[in-house]
Amino acid sequence: MEQGPGHERRREGAGPSQSEAGMWDAKGLVAVLDTSVLVSAYLSKDSHFSSSRRIVRAVGALYDSFTSPAIIAETERVLTEPRFRAPMSGIRLWLDAFVRRSRQVDSVAIPGDYSAALGGDEKDNPILLTALAVNLHEEGQQCIAEAGSRFGCFIVSGDKHFRAGRNVWG
């Protein structure tokens, strides 16, 4: 079996390679991707013209992405619905690449139901809770501080319940 680049570093436990080193530096732009963006990117994964696909490809390189187990679970649930019938093994392999380039927060740390602020749509609650949880996360605070002086913090969504302003539609 052929070994990929960097296998020696992984085996020896050395630090990140030069190409990986900047991945975790604050980019000055923070985003939480809505499930709709992840689903659209997965379904159009072979298309170079998909804005959702380009947004997901830029994770960790052009902006700091934060996600949560709730967003990942919802993405898996939606993609395995009968209308899409995506195989769980393929979904998890694809999501693994996204999760490895994103920072993780626990949206359960934020109490309450914010669906009233989202047009009563309870399915969007995990997205907003994840965005709020970024503020409690140590790395989130550092990234937000950098973003506050540069480009800002956004929820990237194709959902009509997120109002324009600090939200970007995929």
Protein backbone atom coordinates (compact mmCIF):
# COMPACT_ATOMS: atom_id res chain seq x y z
CA MET A 1 0.00 0.00 0.00
CA GLU A 2 1.35 3.40 -0.98
CA GLN A 3 1.85 5.87 1.85
CA GLY A 4 0.71 9.46 1.41
CA PRO A 5 2.77 12.59 2.03
CA GLY A 6 3.38 13.31 5.68
CA HIS A 7 3.10 9.71 6.87
CA GLU A 8 6.49 9.95 8.60
CA ARG A 9 5.38 13.03 10.53
CA ARG A 10 2.19 11.31 11.68
CA ARG A 11 4.11 8.22 12.76
CA GLU A 12 6.79 10.20 14.60
CA GLY A 13 4.31 12.63 16.18
CA ALA A 14 6.01 15.73 14.76
CA GLY A 15 4.18 19.06 14.61
CA PRO A 16 2.14 20.37 11.70
CA SER A 17 3.72 20.75 8.29
CA GLN A 18 4.42 24.21 6.92
CA SER A 19 1.26 24.02 4.75
CA GLU A 20 -0.85 23.08 7.80
CA ALA A 21 0.65 25.64 10.18
CA GLY A 22 -1.48 28.62 9.08
CA MET A 23 -4.71 26.63 9.01
CA TRP A 24 -5.41 27.28 12.68
CA ASP A 25 -4.38 30.95 12.71
CA ALA A 26 -7.32 33.37 12.99
CA LYS A 27 -8.38 34.48 9.50
CA GLY A 28 -10.39 37.57 10.49
CA LEU A 29 -13.58 35.96 9.19
CA VAL A 30 -15.72 33.54 11.24
CA ALA A 31 -18.63 31.50 9.88
CA VAL A 32 -21.10 28.86 10.98
CA LEU A 33 -22.42 26.94 7.98
CA ASP A 34 -26.09 26.02 8.00
CA THR A 35 -27.12 22.48 7.17
CA SER A 36 -28.62 23.74 3.88
CA VAL A 37 -25.14 24.80 2.71
CA LEU A 38 -23.58 21.46 3.68
CA VAL A 39 -26.37 19.47 2.01
CA SER A 40 -26.13 21.54 -1.17
CA ALA A 41 -22.33 21.19 -1.24
CA TYR A 42 -22.53 17.42 -0.80
CA LEU A 43 -25.11 17.02 -3.53
CA SER A 44 -23.11 19.17 -5.95
CA LYS A 45 -19.69 17.83 -5.01
CA ASP A 46 -18.66 17.29 -8.62
CA SER A 47 -19.70 20.77 -9.74
CA HIS A 48 -17.19 23.62 -9.83
CA PHE A 49 -20.02 26.14 -10.23
CA SER A 50 -21.74 25.50 -6.89
CA SER A 51 -21.38 28.41 -4.44
CA SER A 52 -22.05 26.00 -1.55
CA ARG A 53 -19.26 23.72 -2.73
CA ARG A 54 -16.80 26.64 -2.98
CA ILE A 55 -17.78 27.82 0.51
CA VAL A 56 -17.09 24.37 1.99
CA ARG A 57 -13.79 24.03 0.11
CA ALA A 58 -12.59 27.34 1.62
CA VAL A 59 -13.06 26.13 5.23
CA GLY A 60 -9.85 26.59 7.22
CA ALA A 61 -8.10 28.33 4.35
CA LEU A 62 -10.05 31.56 3.85
CA TYR A 63 -12.16 31.65 7.00
CA ASP A 64 -12.57 30.04 10.40
CA SER A 65 -15.48 27.62 10.39
CA PHE A 66 -17.22 26.53 13.58
CA THR A 67 -19.58 23.56 13.67
CA SER A 68 -21.26 21.36 16.25
CA PRO A 69 -22.42 17.75 16.62
CA ALA A 70 -26.00 19.00 16.12
CA ILE A 71 -25.18 20.43 12.67
CA ILE A 72 -23.32 17.28 11.62
CA ALA A 73 -26.15 15.02 12.84
CA GLU A 74 -28.77 17.09 11.02
CA THR A 75 -26.73 17.01 7.81
CA GLU A 76 -26.48 13.21 8.03
CA ARG A 77 -30.21 12.91 8.73
CA VAL A 78 -31.22 15.10 5.79
CA LEU A 79 -28.89 13.41 3.30
CA THR A 80 -30.17 9.93 4.22
CA GLU A 81 -33.82 10.93 3.71
CA PRO A 82 -35.57 9.05 0.88
CA ARG A 83 -35.44 12.09 -1.43
CA PHE A 84 -31.61 12.03 -1.43
CA ARG A 85 -30.79 8.42 -0.44
CA ALA A 86 -27.13 9.17 0.08
CA PRO A 87 -25.12 6.30 1.62
CA MET A 88 -24.08 7.02 5.22
CA SER A 89 -20.52 5.83 4.53
CA GLY A 90 -20.10 8.41 1.76
CA ILE A 91 -21.68 11.17 3.85
CA ARG A 92 -19.41 10.49 6.80
CA LEU A 93 -16.30 10.34 4.66
CA TRP A 94 -17.19 13.69 3.07
CA LEU A 95 -18.17 15.30 6.41
CA ASP A 96 -14.94 14.06 7.99
CA ALA A 97 -12.92 16.32 5.68
CA PHE A 98 -15.15 19.28 6.64
CA VAL A 99 -14.99 18.56 10.37
CA ARG A 100 -11.19 18.24 10.32
CA ARG A 101 -10.90 21.78 8.91
CA SER A 102 -13.49 23.28 11.28
CA ARG A 103 -13.40 24.12 14.94
CA GLN A 104 -15.88 22.26 17.12
CA VAL A 105 -18.20 23.77 19.72
CA ASP A 106 -20.96 22.24 21.79
CA SER A 107 -24.27 23.95 21.11
CA VAL A 108 -25.77 22.15 24.14
CA ALA A 109 -23.82 24.63 26.29
CA ILE A 110 -26.34 27.33 25.30
CA PRO A 111 -29.65 26.93 27.13
CA GLY A 112 -32.99 27.93 25.67
CA ASP A 113 -34.99 27.84 22.51
CA TYR A 114 -34.38 30.62 20.00
CA SER A 115 -36.75 29.41 17.30
CA ALA A 116 -39.01 32.47 17.82
CA ALA A 117 -36.18 34.61 16.45
CA LEU A 118 -36.07 32.28 13.43
CA GLY A 119 -39.68 32.51 12.31
CA GLY A 120 -40.68 29.66 14.63
CA ASP A 121 -38.52 27.16 12.74
CA GLU A 122 -37.18 24.81 15.42
CA LYS A 123 -34.94 23.05 12.88
CA ASP A 124 -32.78 26.20 12.69
CA ASN A 125 -32.27 26.34 16.45
CA PRO A 126 -29.02 24.24 16.37
CA ILE A 127 -27.45 26.65 13.88
CA LEU A 128 -28.13 29.70 16.04
CA LEU A 129 -27.09 27.83 19.22
CA THR A 130 -23.82 26.87 17.52
CA ALA A 131 -23.19 30.49 16.54
CA LEU A 132 -23.84 31.57 20.14
CA ALA A 133 -21.59 28.78 21.50
CA VAL A 134 -18.65 30.16 19.50
CA ASN A 135 -18.64 33.08 21.96
CA LEU A 136 -18.03 30.67 24.88
CA HIS A 137 -15.25 28.74 23.17
CA GLU A 138 -11.69 29.92 23.88
CA GLU A 139 -10.60 29.66 20.25
CA GLY A 140 -13.93 31.18 19.25
CA GLN A 141 -13.26 34.25 21.36
CA GLN A 142 -9.82 34.66 19.77
CA CYS A 143 -11.21 34.27 16.25
CA ILE A 144 -14.10 36.63 16.97
CA ALA A 145 -11.74 39.26 18.35
CA GLU A 146 -9.72 39.07 15.12
CA ALA A 147 -12.88 39.06 13.00
CA GLY A 148 -14.27 42.08 14.87
CA SER A 149 -11.36 44.16 13.70
CA ARG A 150 -11.34 42.73 10.17
CA PHE A 151 -14.17 41.03 8.26
CA GLY A 152 -16.76 39.85 10.79
CA CYS A 153 -18.78 36.84 11.89
CA PHE A 154 -21.50 35.23 9.78
CA ILE A 155 -24.06 32.47 9.58
CA VAL A 156 -23.94 31.17 6.01
CA SER A 157 -27.33 29.81 5.04
CA GLY A 158 -29.74 29.25 2.21
CA ASP A 159 -32.60 29.48 4.70
CA LYS A 160 -35.09 32.34 4.54
CA HIS A 161 -35.38 32.54 8.35
CA PHE A 162 -31.92 34.02 8.78
CA ARG A 163 -32.20 37.74 8.07
CA ALA A 164 -29.70 39.68 6.00
CA GLY A 165 -26.96 41.51 7.85
CA ARG A 166 -24.53 39.14 9.50
CA ASN A 167 -25.88 36.32 7.37
CA VAL A 168 -24.84 35.25 3.91
CA TRP A 169 -27.00 33.15 1.65
CA GLY A 170 -25.21 30.27 -0.09
